[in-house]
All heavy atoms as atom14 arrays in JSON, in Angstrom:
{
  "sequence": "RNFPVELLYLRDDDIPDAVATGTADIGIVGLNEVMEKGKDVNVVK",
  "atom14_mask": [
    [1, 1, 1, 1, 1, 1, 1, 1, 1, 1, 1, 0, 0, 0],
    [1, 1, 1, 1, 1, 1, 1, 1, 0, 0, 0, 0, 0, 0],
    [1, 1, 1, 1, 1, 1, 1, 1, 1, 1, 1, 0, 0, 0],
    [1, 1, 1, 1, 1, 1, 1, 0, 0, 0, 0, 0, 0, 0],
    [1, 1, 1, 1, 1, 1, 1, 0, 0, 0, 0, 0, 0, 0],
    [1, 1, 1, 1, 1, 1, 1, 1, 1, 0, 0, 0, 0, 0],
    [1, 1, 1, 1, 1, 1, 1, 1, 0, 0, 0, 0, 0, 0],
    [1, 1, 1, 1, 1, 1, 1, 1, 0, 0, 0, 0, 0, 0],
    [1, 1, 1, 1, 1, 1, 1, 1, 1, 1, 1, 1, 0, 0],
    [1, 1, 1, 1, 1, 1, 1, 1, 0, 0, 0, 0, 0, 0],
    [1, 1, 1, 1, 1, 1, 1, 1, 1, 1, 1, 0, 0, 0],
    [1, 1, 1, 1, 1, 1, 1, 1, 0, 0, 0, 0, 0, 0],
    [1, 1, 1, 1, 1, 1, 1, 1, 0, 0, 0, 0, 0, 0],
    [1, 1, 1, 1, 1, 1, 1, 1, 0, 0, 0, 0, 0, 0],
    [1, 1, 1, 1, 1, 1, 1, 1, 0, 0, 0, 0, 0, 0],
    [1, 1, 1, 1, 1, 1, 1, 0, 0, 0, 0, 0, 0, 0],
    [1, 1, 1, 1, 1, 1, 1, 1, 0, 0, 0, 0, 0, 0],
    [1, 1, 1, 1, 1, 0, 0, 0, 0, 0, 0, 0, 0, 0],
    [1, 1, 1, 1, 1, 1, 1, 0, 0, 0, 0, 0, 0, 0],
    [1, 1, 1, 1, 1, 0, 0, 0, 0, 0, 0, 0, 0, 0],
    [1, 1, 1, 1, 1, 1, 1, 0, 0, 0, 0, 0, 0, 0],
    [1, 1, 1, 1, 0, 0, 0, 0, 0, 0, 0, 0, 0, 0],
    [1, 1, 1, 1, 1, 1, 1, 0, 0, 0, 0, 0, 0, 0],
    [1, 1, 1, 1, 1, 0, 0, 0, 0, 0, 0, 0, 0, 0],
    [1, 1, 1, 1, 1, 1, 1, 1, 0, 0, 0, 0, 0, 0],
    [1, 1, 1, 1, 1, 1, 1, 1, 0, 0, 0, 0, 0, 0],
    [1, 1, 1, 1, 0, 0, 0, 0, 0, 0, 0, 0, 0, 0],
    [1, 1, 1, 1, 1, 1, 1, 1, 0, 0, 0, 0, 0, 0],
    [1, 1, 1, 1, 1, 1, 1, 0, 0, 0, 0, 0, 0, 0],
    [1, 1, 1, 1, 0, 0, 0, 0, 0, 0, 0, 0, 0, 0],
    [1, 1, 1, 1, 1, 1, 1, 1, 0, 0, 0, 0, 0, 0],
    [1, 1, 1, 1, 1, 1, 1, 1, 0, 0, 0, 0, 0, 0],
    [1, 1, 1, 1, 1, 1, 1, 1, 1, 0, 0, 0, 0, 0],
    [1, 1, 1, 1, 1, 1, 1, 0, 0, 0, 0, 0, 0, 0],
    [1, 1, 1, 1, 1, 1, 1, 1, 0, 0, 0, 0, 0, 0],
    [1, 1, 1, 1, 1, 1, 1, 1, 1, 0, 0, 0, 0, 0],
    [1, 1, 1, 1, 1, 1, 1, 1, 1, 0, 0, 0, 0, 0],
    [1, 1, 1, 1, 0, 0, 0, 0, 0, 0, 0, 0, 0, 0],
    [1, 1, 1, 1, 1, 1, 1, 1, 1, 0, 0, 0, 0, 0],
    [1, 1, 1, 1, 1, 1, 1, 1, 0, 0, 0, 0, 0, 0],
    [1, 1, 1, 1, 1, 1, 1, 0, 0, 0, 0, 0, 0, 0],
    [1, 1, 1, 1, 1, 1, 1, 1, 0, 0, 0, 0, 0, 0],
    [1, 1, 1, 1, 1, 1, 1, 0, 0, 0, 0, 0, 0, 0],
    [1, 1, 1, 1, 1, 1, 1, 0, 0, 0, 0, 0, 0, 0],
    [1, 1, 1, 1, 1, 1, 1, 1, 1, 0, 0, 0, 0, 0]
  ],
  "atom14_positions": [
    [[0.81, -1.22, 0.0], [0.0, 0.0, 0.0], [0.84, 1.27, 0.0], [0.34, 2.33, -0.33], [-0.92, 0.02, 1.23], [-1.83, -1.2, 1.36], [-2.96, -0.92, 2.33], [-2.54, -0.47, 3.63], [-2.23, -1.28, 4.64], [-2.3, -2.59, 4.47], [-1.87, -0.78, 5.81], [0.0, 0.0, 0.0], [0.0, 0.0, 0.0], [0.0, 0.0, 0.0]],
    [[2.11, 1.16, 0.38], [2.9, 2.38, 0.58], [4.31, 2.32, 0.01], [5.13, 3.2, 0.28], [2.97, 2.71, 2.07], [3.77, 1.68, 2.85], [3.88, 0.52, 2.43], [4.32, 2.09, 3.98], [0.0, 0.0, 0.0], [0.0, 0.0, 0.0], [0.0, 0.0, 0.0], [0.0, 0.0, 0.0], [0.0, 0.0, 0.0], [0.0, 0.0, 0.0]],
    [[4.63, 1.26, -0.74], [5.97, 1.11, -1.29], [5.85, 0.35, -2.62], [5.02, -0.58, -2.71], [6.87, 0.33, -0.31], [8.32, 0.36, -0.64], [9.08, 1.51, -0.45], [8.96, -0.77, -1.15], [10.43, 1.53, -0.75], [10.31, -0.75, -1.45], [11.05, 0.41, -1.25], [0.0, 0.0, 0.0], [0.0, 0.0, 0.0], [0.0, 0.0, 0.0]],
    [[6.61, 0.71, -3.65], [6.41, 0.12, -4.98], [6.96, -1.3, -5.13], [7.85, -1.57, -5.94], [7.13, 1.1, -5.9], [8.18, 1.72, -5.06], [7.59, 1.82, -3.68], [0.0, 0.0, 0.0], [0.0, 0.0, 0.0], [0.0, 0.0, 0.0], [0.0, 0.0, 0.0], [0.0, 0.0, 0.0], [0.0, 0.0, 0.0], [0.0, 0.0, 0.0]],
    [[6.44, -2.22, -4.32], [6.73, -3.65, -4.48], [5.43, -4.42, -4.48], [4.39, -3.93, -3.99], [7.65, -4.19, -3.35], [8.99, -3.48, -3.35], [6.97, -4.1, -2.0], [0.0, 0.0, 0.0], [0.0, 0.0, 0.0], [0.0, 0.0, 0.0], [0.0, 0.0, 0.0], [0.0, 0.0, 0.0], [0.0, 0.0, 0.0], [0.0, 0.0, 0.0]],
    [[5.47, -5.63, -5.0], [4.35, -6.57, -4.91], [4.92, -7.94, -4.61], [6.01, -8.3, -5.08], [3.53, -6.58, -6.2], [4.31, -6.92, -7.44], [3.47, -6.75, -8.71], [2.37, -6.22, -8.63], [3.96, -7.17, -9.79], [0.0, 0.0, 0.0], [0.0, 0.0, 0.0], [0.0, 0.0, 0.0], [0.0, 0.0, 0.0], [0.0, 0.0, 0.0]],
    [[4.2, -8.69, -3.78], [4.66, -10.01, -3.36], [3.95, -11.1, -4.16], [2.72, -11.08, -4.29], [4.42, -10.23, -1.87], [5.08, -9.25, -0.89], [4.99, -9.8, 0.52], [6.51, -8.97, -1.27], [0.0, 0.0, 0.0], [0.0, 0.0, 0.0], [0.0, 0.0, 0.0], [0.0, 0.0, 0.0], [0.0, 0.0, 0.0], [0.0, 0.0, 0.0]],
    [[4.75, -12.04, -4.67], [4.23, -13.2, -5.37], [4.42, -14.39, -4.45], [5.54, -14.78, -4.13], [5.01, -13.41, -6.68], [4.66, -14.65, -7.5], [3.21, -14.59, -7.98], [5.62, -14.81, -8.67], [0.0, 0.0, 0.0], [0.0, 0.0, 0.0], [0.0, 0.0, 0.0], [0.0, 0.0, 0.0], [0.0, 0.0, 0.0], [0.0, 0.0, 0.0]],
    [[3.3, -14.97, -3.96], [3.36, -16.06, -3.0], [3.48, -17.4, -3.73], [2.63, -17.76, -4.56], [2.11, -16.06, -2.12], [2.02, -14.85, -1.21], [1.05, -13.87, -1.42], [2.92, -14.68, -0.16], [0.97, -12.76, -0.59], [2.84, -13.57, 0.67], [1.87, -12.62, 0.45], [1.8, -11.53, 1.28], [0.0, 0.0, 0.0], [0.0, 0.0, 0.0]],
    [[4.55, -18.14, -3.4], [4.84, -19.41, -4.07], [5.3, -20.45, -3.04], [5.63, -20.12, -1.9], [5.96, -19.23, -5.11], [5.71, -18.27, -6.28], [6.99, -18.11, -7.08], [4.58, -18.79, -7.17], [0.0, 0.0, 0.0], [0.0, 0.0, 0.0], [0.0, 0.0, 0.0], [0.0, 0.0, 0.0], [0.0, 0.0, 0.0], [0.0, 0.0, 0.0]],
    [[5.33, -21.71, -3.48], [6.01, -22.75, -2.69], [7.5, -22.44, -2.69], [8.04, -21.91, -3.67], [5.78, -24.13, -3.32], [4.41, -24.72, -3.09], [4.17, -25.86, -4.07], [5.34, -26.71, -4.25], [5.46, -27.96, -3.76], [4.48, -28.47, -3.05], [6.54, -28.65, -4.0], [0.0, 0.0, 0.0], [0.0, 0.0, 0.0], [0.0, 0.0, 0.0]],
    [[8.17, -22.79, -1.6], [9.59, -22.44, -1.5], [10.43, -23.01, -2.64], [11.33, -22.34, -3.16], [10.16, -22.85, -0.14], [10.0, -24.33, 0.14], [9.26, -25.02, -0.59], [10.61, -24.81, 1.12], [0.0, 0.0, 0.0], [0.0, 0.0, 0.0], [0.0, 0.0, 0.0], [0.0, 0.0, 0.0], [0.0, 0.0, 0.0], [0.0, 0.0, 0.0]],
    [[10.12, -24.23, -3.06], [10.95, -24.84, -4.11], [10.66, -24.29, -5.5], [11.38, -24.6, -6.46], [10.83, -26.37, -4.1], [9.39, -26.85, -4.17], [8.47, -26.01, -4.17], [9.19, -28.07, -4.23], [0.0, 0.0, 0.0], [0.0, 0.0, 0.0], [0.0, 0.0, 0.0], [0.0, 0.0, 0.0], [0.0, 0.0, 0.0], [0.0, 0.0, 0.0]],
    [[9.62, -23.45, -5.64], [9.33, -22.8, -6.93], [9.98, -21.42, -7.05], [10.03, -20.85, -8.15], [7.81, -22.64, -7.11], [7.1, -23.97, -7.35], [7.75, -24.89, -7.88], [5.92, -24.09, -6.99], [0.0, 0.0, 0.0], [0.0, 0.0, 0.0], [0.0, 0.0, 0.0], [0.0, 0.0, 0.0], [0.0, 0.0, 0.0], [0.0, 0.0, 0.0]],
    [[10.47, -20.88, -5.94], [10.99, -19.51, -5.95], [12.25, -19.35, -6.8], [12.34, -18.42, -7.61], [11.19, -19.0, -4.52], [9.83, -18.86, -3.82], [11.95, -17.67, -4.5], [9.9, -18.47, -2.35], [0.0, 0.0, 0.0], [0.0, 0.0, 0.0], [0.0, 0.0, 0.0], [0.0, 0.0, 0.0], [0.0, 0.0, 0.0], [0.0, 0.0, 0.0]],
    [[13.26, -20.24, -6.68], [14.45, -20.05, -7.53], [14.13, -20.04, -9.02], [14.68, -19.22, -9.77], [15.33, -21.25, -7.15], [14.94, -21.57, -5.75], [13.46, -21.34, -5.71], [0.0, 0.0, 0.0], [0.0, 0.0, 0.0], [0.0, 0.0, 0.0], [0.0, 0.0, 0.0], [0.0, 0.0, 0.0], [0.0, 0.0, 0.0], [0.0, 0.0, 0.0]],
    [[13.22, -20.89, -9.47], [12.87, -20.92, -10.89], [12.13, -19.65, -11.3], [12.36, -19.1, -12.38], [12.01, -22.14, -11.2], [11.71, -22.28, -12.68], [12.67, -22.47, -13.46], [10.53, -22.19, -13.08], [0.0, 0.0, 0.0], [0.0, 0.0, 0.0], [0.0, 0.0, 0.0], [0.0, 0.0, 0.0], [0.0, 0.0, 0.0], [0.0, 0.0, 0.0]],
    [[11.22, -19.18, -10.43], [10.47, -17.95, -10.74], [11.4, -16.76, -10.91], [11.21, -15.92, -11.79], [9.45, -17.67, -9.63], [0.0, 0.0, 0.0], [0.0, 0.0, 0.0], [0.0, 0.0, 0.0], [0.0, 0.0, 0.0], [0.0, 0.0, 0.0], [0.0, 0.0, 0.0], [0.0, 0.0, 0.0], [0.0, 0.0, 0.0], [0.0, 0.0, 0.0]],
    [[12.45, -16.69, -10.09], [13.41, -15.6, -10.19], [14.31, -15.79, -11.42], [14.58, -14.84, -12.16], [14.25, -15.49, -8.9], [15.38, -14.46, -9.07], [13.37, -15.12, -7.72], [0.0, 0.0, 0.0], [0.0, 0.0, 0.0], [0.0, 0.0, 0.0], [0.0, 0.0, 0.0], [0.0, 0.0, 0.0], [0.0, 0.0, 0.0], [0.0, 0.0, 0.0]],
    [[14.75, -17.01, -11.64], [15.65, -17.28, -12.77], [14.99, -16.97, -14.12], [15.65, -16.49, -15.04], [16.11, -18.74, -12.74], [0.0, 0.0, 0.0], [0.0, 0.0, 0.0], [0.0, 0.0, 0.0], [0.0, 0.0, 0.0], [0.0, 0.0, 0.0], [0.0, 0.0, 0.0], [0.0, 0.0, 0.0], [0.0, 0.0, 0.0], [0.0, 0.0, 0.0]],
    [[13.7, -17.21, -14.22], [12.99, -17.0, -15.48], [12.42, -15.59, -15.63], [11.86, -15.25, -16.66], [11.83, -18.0, -15.62], [10.93, -17.85, -14.52], [12.36, -19.43, -15.65], [0.0, 0.0, 0.0], [0.0, 0.0, 0.0], [0.0, 0.0, 0.0], [0.0, 0.0, 0.0], [0.0, 0.0, 0.0], [0.0, 0.0, 0.0], [0.0, 0.0, 0.0]],
    [[12.52, -14.77, -14.59], [12.03, -13.41, -14.65], [10.57, -13.25, -14.28], [10.02, -12.15, -14.37], [0.0, 0.0, 0.0], [0.0, 0.0, 0.0], [0.0, 0.0, 0.0], [0.0, 0.0, 0.0], [0.0, 0.0, 0.0], [0.0, 0.0, 0.0], [0.0, 0.0, 0.0], [0.0, 0.0, 0.0], [0.0, 0.0, 0.0], [0.0, 0.0, 0.0]],
    [[9.92, -14.33, -13.83], [8.54, -14.21, -13.34], [8.5, -13.29, -12.13], [7.53, -12.55, -11.93], [7.98, -15.6, -12.97], [8.07, -16.45, -14.12], [6.54, -15.51, -12.51], [0.0, 0.0, 0.0], [0.0, 0.0, 0.0], [0.0, 0.0, 0.0], [0.0, 0.0, 0.0], [0.0, 0.0, 0.0], [0.0, 0.0, 0.0], [0.0, 0.0, 0.0]],
    [[9.54, -13.36, -11.32], [9.72, -12.43, -10.2], [11.06, -11.73, -10.38], [12.0, -12.31, -10.94], [9.67, -13.16, -8.87], [0.0, 0.0, 0.0], [0.0, 0.0, 0.0], [0.0, 0.0, 0.0], [0.0, 0.0, 0.0], [0.0, 0.0, 0.0], [0.0, 0.0, 0.0], [0.0, 0.0, 0.0], [0.0, 0.0, 0.0], [0.0, 0.0, 0.0]],
    [[11.17, -10.5, -9.91], [12.43, -9.76, -10.03], [13.46, -10.26, -9.04], [14.64, -10.39, -9.37], [12.17, -8.27, -9.81], [11.24, -7.68, -10.86], [11.48, -7.9, -12.06], [10.26, -7.02, -10.47], [0.0, 0.0, 0.0], [0.0, 0.0, 0.0], [0.0, 0.0, 0.0], [0.0, 0.0, 0.0], [0.0, 0.0, 0.0], [0.0, 0.0, 0.0]],
    [[13.03, -10.49, -7.81], [13.9, -11.02, -6.77], [13.09, -12.02, -5.95], [11.87, -12.14, -6.11], [14.45, -9.91, -5.84], [13.31, -9.16, -5.15], [15.34, -8.96, -6.62], [13.77, -8.16, -4.11], [0.0, 0.0, 0.0], [0.0, 0.0, 0.0], [0.0, 0.0, 0.0], [0.0, 0.0, 0.0], [0.0, 0.0, 0.0], [0.0, 0.0, 0.0]],
    [[13.75, -12.73, -5.06], [13.05, -13.68, -4.2], [13.69, -13.77, -2.84], [14.88, -13.46, -2.68], [0.0, 0.0, 0.0], [0.0, 0.0, 0.0], [0.0, 0.0, 0.0], [0.0, 0.0, 0.0], [0.0, 0.0, 0.0], [0.0, 0.0, 0.0], [0.0, 0.0, 0.0], [0.0, 0.0, 0.0], [0.0, 0.0, 0.0], [0.0, 0.0, 0.0]],
    [[12.91, -14.18, -1.86], [13.42, -14.47, -0.52], [13.14, -15.94, -0.25], [11.97, -16.36, -0.24], [12.77, -13.58, 0.55], [13.13, -12.11, 0.29], [13.23, -14.0, 1.95], [12.47, -11.12, 1.24], [0.0, 0.0, 0.0], [0.0, 0.0, 0.0], [0.0, 0.0, 0.0], [0.0, 0.0, 0.0], [0.0, 0.0, 0.0], [0.0, 0.0, 0.0]],
    [[14.19, -16.72, -0.05], [14.05, -18.17, 0.06], [15.24, -18.72, 0.83], [16.26, -18.04, 1.02], [13.98, -18.8, -1.36], [15.31, -18.68, -2.09], [13.48, -20.24, -1.33], [0.0, 0.0, 0.0], [0.0, 0.0, 0.0], [0.0, 0.0, 0.0], [0.0, 0.0, 0.0], [0.0, 0.0, 0.0], [0.0, 0.0, 0.0], [0.0, 0.0, 0.0]],
    [[15.13, -19.95, 1.29], [16.23, -20.59, 2.0], [17.38, -20.9, 1.07], [17.18, -21.32, -0.08], [0.0, 0.0, 0.0], [0.0, 0.0, 0.0], [0.0, 0.0, 0.0], [0.0, 0.0, 0.0], [0.0, 0.0, 0.0], [0.0, 0.0, 0.0], [0.0, 0.0, 0.0], [0.0, 0.0, 0.0], [0.0, 0.0, 0.0], [0.0, 0.0, 0.0]],
    [[18.61, -20.73, 1.55], [19.79, -21.06, 0.75], [19.77, -22.53, 0.33], [20.25, -22.88, -0.75], [21.06, -20.77, 1.56], [22.39, -21.08, 0.86], [22.57, -20.24, -0.4], [23.56, -20.86, 1.82], [0.0, 0.0, 0.0], [0.0, 0.0, 0.0], [0.0, 0.0, 0.0], [0.0, 0.0, 0.0], [0.0, 0.0, 0.0], [0.0, 0.0, 0.0]],
    [[19.19, -23.39, 1.15], [19.1, -24.81, 0.81], [18.34, -25.02, -0.49], [18.72, -25.86, -1.32], [18.44, -25.6, 1.96], [17.1, -25.02, 2.38], [17.01, -23.88, 2.79], [16.05, -25.83, 2.28], [0.0, 0.0, 0.0], [0.0, 0.0, 0.0], [0.0, 0.0, 0.0], [0.0, 0.0, 0.0], [0.0, 0.0, 0.0], [0.0, 0.0, 0.0]],
    [[17.27, -24.25, -0.71], [16.51, -24.38, -1.96], [17.31, -23.86, -3.16], [17.23, -24.41, -4.26], [15.17, -23.65, -1.86], [14.19, -24.28, -0.89], [13.73, -25.67, -1.32], [13.89, -26.02, -2.51], [13.22, -26.4, -0.46], [0.0, 0.0, 0.0], [0.0, 0.0, 0.0], [0.0, 0.0, 0.0], [0.0, 0.0, 0.0], [0.0, 0.0, 0.0]],
    [[18.05, -22.78, -2.94], [18.9, -22.24, -4.01], [19.93, -23.28, -4.43], [20.15, -23.53, -5.63], [19.6, -20.94, -3.54], [20.55, -20.43, -4.62], [18.57, -19.88, -3.19], [0.0, 0.0, 0.0], [0.0, 0.0, 0.0], [0.0, 0.0, 0.0], [0.0, 0.0, 0.0], [0.0, 0.0, 0.0], [0.0, 0.0, 0.0], [0.0, 0.0, 0.0]],
    [[20.58, -23.89, -3.46], [21.62, -24.88, -3.75], [21.04, -26.14, -4.37], [21.66, -26.77, -5.23], [22.37, -25.23, -2.46], [23.05, -24.05, -1.79], [24.35, -23.34, -2.8], [25.58, -24.63, -2.74], [0.0, 0.0, 0.0], [0.0, 0.0, 0.0], [0.0, 0.0, 0.0], [0.0, 0.0, 0.0], [0.0, 0.0, 0.0], [0.0, 0.0, 0.0]],
    [[19.85, -26.53, -3.95], [19.23, -27.75, -4.48], [18.78, -27.57, -5.92], [18.99, -28.46, -6.76], [18.04, -28.14, -3.61], [17.24, -29.34, -4.11], [18.03, -30.64, -4.16], [19.05, -30.76, -3.43], [17.65, -31.54, -4.93], [0.0, 0.0, 0.0], [0.0, 0.0, 0.0], [0.0, 0.0, 0.0], [0.0, 0.0, 0.0], [0.0, 0.0, 0.0]],
    [[18.16, -26.44, -6.22], [17.57, -26.26, -7.56], [18.62, -25.91, -8.61], [18.44, -26.23, -9.79], [16.5, -25.17, -7.52], [15.33, -25.5, -6.6], [14.72, -26.84, -6.93], [13.6, -27.2, -5.97], [13.06, -28.55, -6.22], [0.0, 0.0, 0.0], [0.0, 0.0, 0.0], [0.0, 0.0, 0.0], [0.0, 0.0, 0.0], [0.0, 0.0, 0.0]],
    [[19.71, -25.26, -8.21], [20.77, -24.96, -9.16], [20.36, -24.07, -10.31], [20.88, -24.19, -11.42], [0.0, 0.0, 0.0], [0.0, 0.0, 0.0], [0.0, 0.0, 0.0], [0.0, 0.0, 0.0], [0.0, 0.0, 0.0], [0.0, 0.0, 0.0], [0.0, 0.0, 0.0], [0.0, 0.0, 0.0], [0.0, 0.0, 0.0], [0.0, 0.0, 0.0]],
    [[19.44, -23.14, -10.08], [18.98, -22.24, -11.13], [19.96, -21.06, -11.3], [20.86, -20.86, -10.5], [17.58, -21.71, -10.79], [16.52, -22.8, -10.66], [16.29, -23.52, -11.97], [15.2, -24.58, -11.85], [14.94, -25.27, -13.13], [0.0, 0.0, 0.0], [0.0, 0.0, 0.0], [0.0, 0.0, 0.0], [0.0, 0.0, 0.0], [0.0, 0.0, 0.0]],
    [[19.74, -20.29, -12.38], [20.62, -19.16, -12.68], [20.26, -17.96, -11.82], [19.67, -16.97, -12.29], [20.53, -18.8, -14.16], [21.13, -19.86, -15.05], [22.09, -20.52, -14.6], [20.65, -20.05, -16.18], [0.0, 0.0, 0.0], [0.0, 0.0, 0.0], [0.0, 0.0, 0.0], [0.0, 0.0, 0.0], [0.0, 0.0, 0.0], [0.0, 0.0, 0.0]],
    [[20.6, -18.04, -10.55], [20.34, -16.93, -9.62], [21.59, -16.65, -8.8], [22.44, -17.52, -8.61], [19.15, -17.24, -8.67], [17.87, -17.45, -9.45], [19.45, -18.43, -7.78], [0.0, 0.0, 0.0], [0.0, 0.0, 0.0], [0.0, 0.0, 0.0], [0.0, 0.0, 0.0], [0.0, 0.0, 0.0], [0.0, 0.0, 0.0], [0.0, 0.0, 0.0]],
    [[21.68, -15.42, -8.34], [22.75, -14.99, -7.44], [22.18, -14.67, -6.07], [21.05, -14.17, -5.97], [23.44, -13.72, -7.97], [24.35, -14.02, -9.15], [24.93, -15.09, -9.24], [24.46, -13.05, -10.06], [0.0, 0.0, 0.0], [0.0, 0.0, 0.0], [0.0, 0.0, 0.0], [0.0, 0.0, 0.0], [0.0, 0.0, 0.0], [0.0, 0.0, 0.0]],
    [[22.94, -14.94, -5.04], [22.57, -14.5, -3.7], [22.98, -13.05, -3.55], [24.17, -12.72, -3.56], [23.23, -15.37, -2.62], [22.95, -14.8, -1.23], [22.72, -16.81, -2.7], [0.0, 0.0, 0.0], [0.0, 0.0, 0.0], [0.0, 0.0, 0.0], [0.0, 0.0, 0.0], [0.0, 0.0, 0.0], [0.0, 0.0, 0.0], [0.0, 0.0, 0.0]],
    [[21.99, -12.16, -3.45], [22.25, -10.72, -3.3], [22.63, -10.38, -1.87], [23.54, -9.61, -1.61], [21.01, -9.9, -3.73], [21.23, -8.41, -3.49], [20.67, -10.18, -5.19], [0.0, 0.0, 0.0], [0.0, 0.0, 0.0], [0.0, 0.0, 0.0], [0.0, 0.0, 0.0], [0.0, 0.0, 0.0], [0.0, 0.0, 0.0], [0.0, 0.0, 0.0]],
    [[21.91, -11.01, -0.92], [22.16, -10.69, 0.49], [21.67, -11.82, 1.39], [20.52, -12.24, 1.29], [21.44, -9.39, 0.88], [21.58, -9.0, 2.35], [20.85, -7.73, 2.66], [21.54, -6.54, 2.08], [22.91, -6.33, 2.67], [0.0, 0.0, 0.0], [0.0, 0.0, 0.0], [0.0, 0.0, 0.0], [0.0, 0.0, 0.0], [0.0, 0.0, 0.0]]
  ]
}
């Protein structure tokens, strides 16, 4: 309501793919899921 973001609610194991394909701009997810899925994403923080 007060900041230019929108949240896309997904299953945790779908988040790396959604970010890698551009469906979402960024994602917040467990490092374990990032390492397991091996998608084209970088850990920003």
